[in-house]
Amino acid sequence: MTTTSKILLVDDTRLFLELEKSFLKLSPVHVLTASSAEEALEIAANERPDLIFLDIHMPGIGGIACCKLLKKDPSLKSIPVVMVSASGKEEDLDLCRSAGCDDYVTKPIDRKMFLEKARKFTNTVDRREPRICFRAEVACRLKDQFMTVHSVDLSSGGVYLQCDMDVAEKEMMALSFVLSTNDEPAVVAKGQIAWINSADLRKKPSLPPGFGVEFIDMAESSRSAIRSFLNSRP
């Protein structure tokens, strides 16, 4: 049986802490937070987290020194540390490596990448988002081609489209669809084809031929509408 992991998030900016916490909300993990390196060291000593996401630039001793102290402590050095860099500059990444970190990620933090990094060190992190059955007409523009297809399921992160046309992973497309029959504005988004379930190579036989689209760019009003729609469904 999978046990609950403790993940410590360290950042002096509350906004980033809340963002990282939101990435983990679907995972059965216990989230700890610290707003300084000094507080992180105290929590690490008392709680023994299974993973630490540690911001580089913070007041006080900072993230680099904090990571070095963690890795020098015999009782804490085995805790994986993922450093968070604001710039992604090579000199910052060199500092992370020299501090002994186990991995790093850059801001702005991508949800998918954040969860992939976390799953390298603990299997209790869930990358999936709740999906519901969702049948609706979806207007699409792929390259210069316009078409109307049907959706199969929907999550806050993407939609699965039933379609037998020839497409490629990573291709960008524009989508528009209505969530319900009410007089609500259509959801408009830019998406990226994340995976293909072709008629010849069915990765998921339970689904009809088509492809999954990951939402890349969407107005906050559309995101809120999708979240409200998902929450209203059993």
C-alpha atoms as a PDB file:
ATOM      1  CA  MET A   1       0.000   0.000   0.000  1.00  0.00           C
ATOM      2  CA  THR A   2       1.282   3.472  -0.897  1.00  0.00           C
ATOM      3  CA  THR A   3       2.144   5.604   2.111  1.00  0.00           C
ATOM      4  CA  THR A   4       1.731   9.347   2.291  1.00  0.00           C
ATOM      5  CA  SER A   5       4.865  11.339   1.537  1.00  0.00           C
ATOM      6  CA  LYS A   6       5.895  14.656   3.053  1.00  0.00           C
ATOM      7  CA  ILE A   7       6.933  17.342   0.574  1.00  0.00           C
ATOM      8  CA  LEU A   8       8.496  20.585   1.793  1.00  0.00           C
ATOM      9  CA  LEU A   9       8.058  23.665  -0.411  1.00  0.00           C
ATOM     10  CA  VAL A  10      10.420  26.569   0.302  1.00  0.00           C
ATOM     11  CA  ASP A  11       9.979  30.042  -1.203  1.00  0.00           C
ATOM     12  CA  ASP A  12       9.848  33.537   0.267  1.00  0.00           C
ATOM     13  CA  THR A  13       7.098  34.527  -2.209  1.00  0.00           C
ATOM     14  CA  ARG A  14       3.666  33.384  -1.081  1.00  0.00           C
ATOM     15  CA  LEU A  15       2.331  33.320  -4.644  1.00  0.00           C
ATOM     16  CA  PHE A  16       4.831  30.666  -5.701  1.00  0.00           C
ATOM     17  CA  LEU A  17       4.164  28.585  -2.590  1.00  0.00           C
ATOM     18  CA  GLU A  18       0.435  28.600  -3.328  1.00  0.00           C
ATOM     19  CA  LEU A  19       1.078  27.705  -6.975  1.00  0.00           C
ATOM     20  CA  GLU A  20       3.247  24.722  -6.035  1.00  0.00           C
ATOM     21  CA  LYS A  21       0.685  23.632  -3.441  1.00  0.00           C
ATOM     22  CA  SER A  22      -2.033  23.725  -6.107  1.00  0.00           C
ATOM     23  CA  PHE A  23       0.023  21.355  -8.291  1.00  0.00           C
ATOM     24  CA  LEU A  24      -0.034  18.795  -5.467  1.00  0.00           C
ATOM     25  CA  LYS A  25      -3.686  19.124  -4.471  1.00  0.00           C
ATOM     26  CA  LEU A  26      -4.705  15.881  -6.215  1.00  0.00           C
ATOM     27  CA  SER A  27      -1.870  13.853  -4.698  1.00  0.00           C
ATOM     28  CA  PRO A  28      -2.064  12.008  -1.366  1.00  0.00           C
ATOM     29  CA  VAL A  29       0.886  13.915   0.097  1.00  0.00           C
ATOM     30  CA  HIS A  30       1.379  16.023   3.205  1.00  0.00           C
ATOM     31  CA  VAL A  31       2.585  19.467   2.104  1.00  0.00           C
ATOM     32  CA  LEU A  32       4.867  21.512   4.362  1.00  0.00           C
ATOM     33  CA  THR A  33       5.880  25.088   3.567  1.00  0.00           C
ATOM     34  CA  ALA A  34       8.670  27.426   4.627  1.00  0.00           C
ATOM     35  CA  SER A  35       9.319  31.049   3.664  1.00  0.00           C
ATOM     36  CA  SER A  36      13.046  31.105   4.426  1.00  0.00           C
ATOM     37  CA  ALA A  37      16.056  28.811   4.329  1.00  0.00           C
ATOM     38  CA  GLU A  38      16.381  28.991   8.099  1.00  0.00           C
ATOM     39  CA  GLU A  39      12.779  27.860   8.560  1.00  0.00           C
ATOM     40  CA  ALA A  40      13.317  25.100   5.983  1.00  0.00           C
ATOM     41  CA  LEU A  41      16.288  23.693   7.921  1.00  0.00           C
ATOM     42  CA  GLU A  42      14.236  23.606  11.121  1.00  0.00           C
ATOM     43  CA  ILE A  43      11.275  21.887   9.445  1.00  0.00           C
ATOM     44  CA  ALA A  44      13.560  19.401   7.681  1.00  0.00           C
ATOM     45  CA  ALA A  45      15.194  18.443  10.986  1.00  0.00           C
ATOM     46  CA  ASN A  46      11.857  18.026  12.772  1.00  0.00           C
ATOM     47  CA  GLU A  47       9.691  16.529  10.017  1.00  0.00           C
ATOM     48  CA  ARG A  48      12.153  14.599   7.826  1.00  0.00           C
ATOM     49  CA  PRO A  49      10.337  15.307   4.527  1.00  0.00           C
ATOM     50  CA  ASP A  50      10.626  12.877   1.631  1.00  0.00           C
ATOM     51  CA  LEU A  51      11.319  15.655  -0.883  1.00  0.00           C
ATOM     52  CA  ILE A  52      12.184  19.367  -0.808  1.00  0.00           C
ATOM     53  CA  PHE A  53      11.565  21.991  -3.495  1.00  0.00           C
ATOM     54  CA  LEU A  54      13.953  24.822  -2.585  1.00  0.00           C
ATOM     55  CA  ASP A  55      14.053  28.304  -4.128  1.00  0.00           C
ATOM     56  CA  ILE A  56      17.535  29.633  -4.855  1.00  0.00           C
ATOM     57  CA  HIS A  57      17.154  33.346  -4.131  1.00  0.00           C
ATOM     58  CA  MET A  58      15.732  34.148  -0.688  1.00  0.00           C
ATOM     59  CA  PRO A  59      16.610  36.587   2.106  1.00  0.00           C
ATOM     60  CA  GLY A  60      18.950  35.273   4.787  1.00  0.00           C
ATOM     61  CA  ILE A  61      21.345  32.464   3.980  1.00  0.00           C
ATOM     62  CA  GLY A  62      19.522  31.663   0.716  1.00  0.00           C
ATOM     63  CA  GLY A  63      18.724  28.433  -1.046  1.00  0.00           C
ATOM     64  CA  ILE A  64      22.215  27.453  -2.189  1.00  0.00           C
ATOM     65  CA  ALA A  65      23.664  27.614   1.327  1.00  0.00           C
ATOM     66  CA  CYS A  66      20.598  25.823   2.663  1.00  0.00           C
ATOM     67  CA  CYS A  67      21.059  22.954   0.213  1.00  0.00           C
ATOM     68  CA  LYS A  68      24.738  22.643   1.160  1.00  0.00           C
ATOM     69  CA  LEU A  69      23.809  22.462   4.856  1.00  0.00           C
ATOM     70  CA  LEU A  70      21.175  19.819   4.168  1.00  0.00           C
ATOM     71  CA  LYS A  71      23.619  17.693   2.204  1.00  0.00           C
ATOM     72  CA  LYS A  72      26.318  18.015   4.890  1.00  0.00           C
ATOM     73  CA  ASP A  73      24.001  16.814   7.644  1.00  0.00           C
ATOM     74  CA  PRO A  74      24.283  13.005   7.959  1.00  0.00           C
ATOM     75  CA  SER A  75      20.644  12.718   9.063  1.00  0.00           C
ATOM     76  CA  LEU A  76      19.269  14.909   6.249  1.00  0.00           C
ATOM     77  CA  LYS A  77      21.574  14.390   3.271  1.00  0.00           C
ATOM     78  CA  SER A  78      19.475  11.561   1.823  1.00  0.00           C
ATOM     79  CA  ILE A  79      16.448  13.860   1.348  1.00  0.00           C
ATOM     80  CA  PRO A  80      16.149  14.717  -2.376  1.00  0.00           C
ATOM     81  CA  VAL A  81      16.374  18.457  -3.032  1.00  0.00           C
ATOM     82  CA  VAL A  82      14.992  20.037  -6.216  1.00  0.00           C
ATOM     83  CA  MET A  83      16.287  23.593  -6.586  1.00  0.00           C
ATOM     84  CA  VAL A  84      14.004  26.235  -8.119  1.00  0.00           C
ATOM     85  CA  SER A  85      15.726  28.857 -10.264  1.00  0.00           C
ATOM     86  CA  ALA A  86      14.085  32.108 -11.320  1.00  0.00           C
ATOM     87  CA  SER A  87      16.268  32.583 -14.375  1.00  0.00           C
ATOM     88  CA  GLY A  88      17.465  29.206 -15.584  1.00  0.00           C
ATOM     89  CA  LYS A  89      20.837  30.807 -16.357  1.00  0.00           C
ATOM     90  CA  GLU A  90      23.740  28.411 -16.605  1.00  0.00           C
ATOM     91  CA  GLU A  91      25.544  30.091 -13.691  1.00  0.00           C
ATOM     92  CA  ASP A  92      22.501  29.476 -11.465  1.00  0.00           C
ATOM     93  CA  LEU A  93      22.351  25.837 -12.541  1.00  0.00           C
ATOM     94  CA  ASP A  94      26.088  25.476 -11.838  1.00  0.00           C
ATOM     95  CA  LEU A  95      25.472  26.804  -8.309  1.00  0.00           C
ATOM     96  CA  CYS A  96      22.674  24.258  -7.866  1.00  0.00           C
ATOM     97  CA  ARG A  97      24.938  21.416  -8.929  1.00  0.00           C
ATOM     98  CA  SER A  98      27.764  22.600  -6.692  1.00  0.00           C
ATOM     99  CA  ALA A  99      25.359  22.700  -3.743  1.00  0.00           C
ATOM    100  CA  GLY A 100      24.681  18.987  -4.215  1.00  0.00           C
ATOM    101  CA  CYS A 101      21.036  19.228  -5.293  1.00  0.00           C
ATOM    102  CA  ASP A 102      19.366  16.214  -6.872  1.00  0.00           C
ATOM    103  CA  ASP A 103      17.577  18.139  -9.625  1.00  0.00           C
ATOM    104  CA  TYR A 104      16.332  21.604 -10.543  1.00  0.00           C
ATOM    105  CA  VAL A 105      13.399  23.343 -12.203  1.00  0.00           C
ATOM    106  CA  THR A 106      13.014  26.903 -13.487  1.00  0.00           C
ATOM    107  CA  LYS A 107      10.352  29.582 -13.094  1.00  0.00           C
ATOM    108  CA  PRO A 108       7.763  30.179 -14.405  1.00  0.00           C
ATOM    109  CA  ILE A 109       7.023  26.718 -13.061  1.00  0.00           C
ATOM    110  CA  ASP A 110       5.231  24.407 -15.464  1.00  0.00           C
ATOM    111  CA  ARG A 111       2.770  22.097 -13.690  1.00  0.00           C
ATOM    112  CA  LYS A 112       3.610  19.077 -15.796  1.00  0.00           C
ATOM    113  CA  MET A 113       7.356  19.510 -15.330  1.00  0.00           C
ATOM    114  CA  PHE A 114       6.950  20.141 -11.592  1.00  0.00           C
ATOM    115  CA  LEU A 115       5.030  16.884 -11.136  1.00  0.00           C
ATOM    116  CA  GLU A 116       7.457  14.941 -13.336  1.00  0.00           C
ATOM    117  CA  LYS A 117      10.325  16.125 -11.137  1.00  0.00           C
ATOM    118  CA  ALA A 118       8.412  15.175  -7.990  1.00  0.00           C
ATOM    119  CA  ARG A 119       7.603  11.691  -9.296  1.00  0.00           C
ATOM    120  CA  LYS A 120      11.298  10.999  -9.801  1.00  0.00           C
ATOM    121  CA  PHE A 121      11.638  10.916  -6.026  1.00  0.00           C
ATOM    122  CA  THR A 122       8.240   9.838  -4.674  1.00  0.00           C
ATOM    123  CA  ASN A 123       5.562   7.663  -6.253  1.00  0.00           C
ATOM    124  CA  THR A 124       2.726   9.246  -4.289  1.00  0.00           C
ATOM    125  CA  VAL A 125       2.575  12.268  -6.588  1.00  0.00           C
ATOM    126  CA  ASP A 126      -0.272  12.015  -9.083  1.00  0.00           C
ATOM    127  CA  ARG A 127       0.179  13.670 -12.473  1.00  0.00           C
ATOM    128  CA  ARG A 128      -3.384  13.055 -13.539  1.00  0.00           C
ATOM    129  CA  GLU A 129      -6.308  15.424 -13.337  1.00  0.00           C
ATOM    130  CA  PRO A 130      -9.941  14.372 -12.851  1.00  0.00           C
ATOM    131  CA  ARG A 131     -11.603  13.638 -16.176  1.00  0.00           C
ATOM    132  CA  ILE A 132     -15.266  13.413 -16.969  1.00  0.00           C
ATOM    133  CA  CYS A 133     -17.151  12.050 -19.941  1.00  0.00           C
ATOM    134  CA  PHE A 134     -17.877  15.072 -22.116  1.00  0.00           C
ATOM    135  CA  ARG A 135     -19.598  14.817 -25.501  1.00  0.00           C
ATOM    136  CA  ALA A 136     -19.718  18.100 -27.364  1.00  0.00           C
ATOM    137  CA  GLU A 137     -18.946  19.604 -30.737  1.00  0.00           C
ATOM    138  CA  VAL A 138     -15.525  21.246 -30.817  1.00  0.00           C
ATOM    139  CA  ALA A 139     -14.554  23.726 -33.505  1.00  0.00           C
ATOM    140  CA  CYS A 140     -10.851  23.362 -34.309  1.00  0.00           C
ATOM    141  CA  ARG A 141      -8.249  25.072 -36.416  1.00  0.00           C
ATOM    142  CA  LEU A 142      -5.143  23.014 -37.159  1.00  0.00           C
ATOM    143  CA  LYS A 143      -2.626  24.829 -39.359  1.00  0.00           C
ATOM    144  CA  ASP A 144      -4.932  26.350 -42.009  1.00  0.00           C
ATOM    145  CA  GLN A 145      -7.601  23.689 -41.784  1.00  0.00           C
ATOM    146  CA  PHE A 146     -10.911  24.260 -39.992  1.00  0.00           C
ATOM    147  CA  MET A 147     -13.022  21.344 -38.801  1.00  0.00           C
ATOM    148  CA  THR A 148     -15.635  20.280 -36.285  1.00  0.00           C
ATOM    149  CA  VAL A 149     -15.034  17.142 -34.212  1.00  0.00           C
ATOM    150  CA  HIS A 150     -16.515  15.625 -31.061  1.00  0.00           C
ATOM    151  CA  SER A 151     -14.942  15.520 -27.623  1.00  0.00           C
ATOM    152  CA  VAL A 152     -14.915  12.351 -25.532  1.00  0.00           C
ATOM    153  CA  ASP A 153     -13.660  13.511 -22.139  1.00  0.00           C
ATOM    154  CA  LEU A 154     -12.524  16.698 -20.450  1.00  0.00           C
ATOM    155  CA  SER A 155     -10.263  17.808 -17.609  1.00  0.00           C
ATOM    156  CA  SER A 156      -9.020  21.199 -16.478  1.00  0.00           C
ATOM    157  CA  GLY A 157      -5.789  20.466 -18.339  1.00  0.00           C
ATOM    158  CA  GLY A 158      -7.063  19.192 -21.668  1.00  0.00           C
ATOM    159  CA  VAL A 159      -9.618  17.406 -23.812  1.00  0.00           C
ATOM    160  CA  TYR A 160      -9.726  14.178 -25.821  1.00  0.00           C
ATOM    161  CA  LEU A 161     -11.044  14.568 -29.388  1.00  0.00           C
ATOM    162  CA  GLN A 162     -12.465  11.803 -31.553  1.00  0.00           C
ATOM    163  CA  CYS A 163     -10.905  12.279 -34.972  1.00  0.00           C
ATOM    164  CA  ASP A 164      -9.289  10.116 -37.633  1.00  0.00           C
ATOM    165  CA  MET A 165      -7.275  12.798 -39.416  1.00  0.00           C
ATOM    166  CA  ASP A 166      -3.488  12.595 -39.690  1.00  0.00           C
ATOM    167  CA  VAL A 167      -1.878  14.701 -36.957  1.00  0.00           C
ATOM    168  CA  ALA A 168       1.458  14.849 -35.156  1.00  0.00           C
ATOM    169  CA  GLU A 169       2.376  15.207 -31.491  1.00  0.00           C
ATOM    170  CA  LYS A 170       3.341  18.753 -30.398  1.00  0.00           C
ATOM    171  CA  GLU A 171       1.263  20.326 -33.171  1.00  0.00           C
ATOM    172  CA  MET A 172      -0.563  23.440 -32.010  1.00  0.00           C
ATOM    173  CA  MET A 173      -4.252  24.004 -32.585  1.00  0.00           C
ATOM    174  CA  ALA A 174      -7.037  26.410 -31.632  1.00  0.00           C
ATOM    175  CA  LEU A 175     -10.257  25.099 -30.068  1.00  0.00           C
ATOM    176  CA  SER A 176     -13.671  26.428 -29.197  1.00  0.00           C
ATOM    177  CA  PHE A 177     -16.555  24.611 -27.485  1.00  0.00           C
ATOM    178  CA  VAL A 178     -19.564  25.205 -25.259  1.00  0.00           C
ATOM    179  CA  LEU A 179     -19.712  23.485 -21.873  1.00  0.00           C
ATOM    180  CA  SER A 180     -23.503  23.353 -21.551  1.00  0.00           C
ATOM    181  CA  THR A 181     -26.693  24.346 -23.312  1.00  0.00           C
ATOM    182  CA  ASN A 182     -26.987  27.502 -21.217  1.00  0.00           C
ATOM    183  CA  ASP A 183     -26.227  30.900 -22.688  1.00  0.00           C
ATOM    184  CA  GLU A 184     -22.607  30.739 -21.551  1.00  0.00           C
ATOM    185  CA  PRO A 185     -19.665  32.064 -23.568  1.00  0.00           C
ATOM    186  CA  ALA A 186     -17.752  29.439 -25.492  1.00  0.00           C
ATOM    187  CA  VAL A 187     -14.486  28.165 -24.070  1.00  0.00           C
ATOM    188  CA  VAL A 188     -11.675  29.309 -26.338  1.00  0.00           C
ATOM    189  CA  ALA A 189      -8.184  27.872 -26.011  1.00  0.00           C
ATOM    190  CA  LYS A 190      -4.907  27.165 -27.723  1.00  0.00           C
ATOM    191  CA  GLY A 191      -3.726  23.618 -27.267  1.00  0.00           C
ATOM    192  CA  GLN A 192      -0.978  21.184 -28.124  1.00  0.00           C
ATOM    193  CA  ILE A 193      -1.516  17.614 -29.290  1.00  0.00           C
ATOM    194  CA  ALA A 194      -0.085  15.631 -26.376  1.00  0.00           C
ATOM    195  CA  TRP A 195      -0.667  12.065 -27.561  1.00  0.00           C
ATOM    196  CA  ILE A 196      -2.280  10.190 -30.457  1.00  0.00           C
ATOM    197  CA  ASN A 197      -4.583   7.183 -30.302  1.00  0.00           C
ATOM    198  CA  SER A 198      -4.642   6.290 -33.997  1.00  0.00           C
ATOM    199  CA  ALA A 199      -6.756   3.597 -35.605  1.00  0.00           C
ATOM    200  CA  ASP A 200      -3.575   1.660 -36.455  1.00  0.00           C
ATOM    201  CA  LEU A 201      -1.841   2.113 -33.107  1.00  0.00           C
ATOM    202  CA  ARG A 202      -4.327   2.292 -30.264  1.00  0.00           C
ATOM    203  CA  LYS A 203      -2.559   3.252 -27.047  1.00  0.00           C
ATOM    204  CA  LYS A 204      -5.909   3.200 -25.249  1.00  0.00           C
ATOM    205  CA  PRO A 205      -8.316   0.738 -26.931  1.00  0.00           C
ATOM    206  CA  SER A 206     -11.121   1.888 -24.621  1.00  0.00           C
ATOM    207  CA  LEU A 207     -11.131   5.242 -26.442  1.00  0.00           C
ATOM    208  CA  PRO A 208     -12.105   5.794 -30.077  1.00  0.00           C
ATOM    209  CA  PRO A 209      -9.404   6.877 -32.550  1.00  0.00           C
ATOM    210  CA  GLY A 210      -8.375  10.437 -31.865  1.00  0.00           C
ATOM    211  CA  PHE A 211      -5.899  12.460 -29.840  1.00  0.00           C
ATOM    212  CA  GLY A 212      -5.460  14.196 -26.519  1.00  0.00           C
ATOM    213  CA  VAL A 213      -4.986  17.955 -26.473  1.00  0.00           C
ATOM    214  CA  GLU A 214      -3.245  19.768 -23.617  1.00  0.00           C
ATOM    215  CA  PHE A 215      -4.468  23.312 -23.015  1.00  0.00           C
ATOM    216  CA  ILE A 216      -1.550  25.724 -23.441  1.00  0.00           C
ATOM    217  CA  ASP A 217      -3.143  29.165 -23.488  1.00  0.00           C
ATOM    218  CA  MET A 218      -6.598  30.052 -22.199  1.00  0.00           C
ATOM    219  CA  ALA A 219      -8.317  33.073 -20.675  1.00  0.00           C
ATOM    220  CA  GLU A 220      -8.878  32.836 -16.925  1.00  0.00           C
ATOM    221  CA  SER A 221     -12.635  33.114 -17.522  1.00  0.00           C
ATOM    222  CA  SER A 222     -12.524  29.922 -19.601  1.00  0.00           C
ATOM    223  CA  ARG A 223     -10.389  28.124 -16.998  1.00  0.00           C
ATOM    224  CA  SER A 224     -12.833  29.117 -14.265  1.00  0.00           C
ATOM    225  CA  ALA A 225     -15.764  27.954 -16.379  1.00  0.00           C
ATOM    226  CA  ILE A 226     -14.156  24.532 -16.886  1.00  0.00           C
ATOM    227  CA  ARG A 227     -13.364  24.157 -13.180  1.00  0.00           C
ATOM    228  CA  SER A 228     -16.927  25.085 -12.208  1.00  0.00           C
ATOM    229  CA  PHE A 229     -18.294  22.674 -14.798  1.00  0.00           C
ATOM    230  CA  LEU A 230     -16.104  19.816 -13.548  1.00  0.00           C
ATOM    231  CA  ASN A 231     -17.020  20.513  -9.913  1.00  0.00           C
ATOM    232  CA  SER A 232     -20.706  20.450 -10.755  1.00  0.00           C
ATOM    233  CA  ARG A 233     -20.528  16.976 -12.249  1.00  0.00           C
ATOM    234  CA  PRO A 234     -20.555  13.755 -10.191  1.00  0.00           C
END
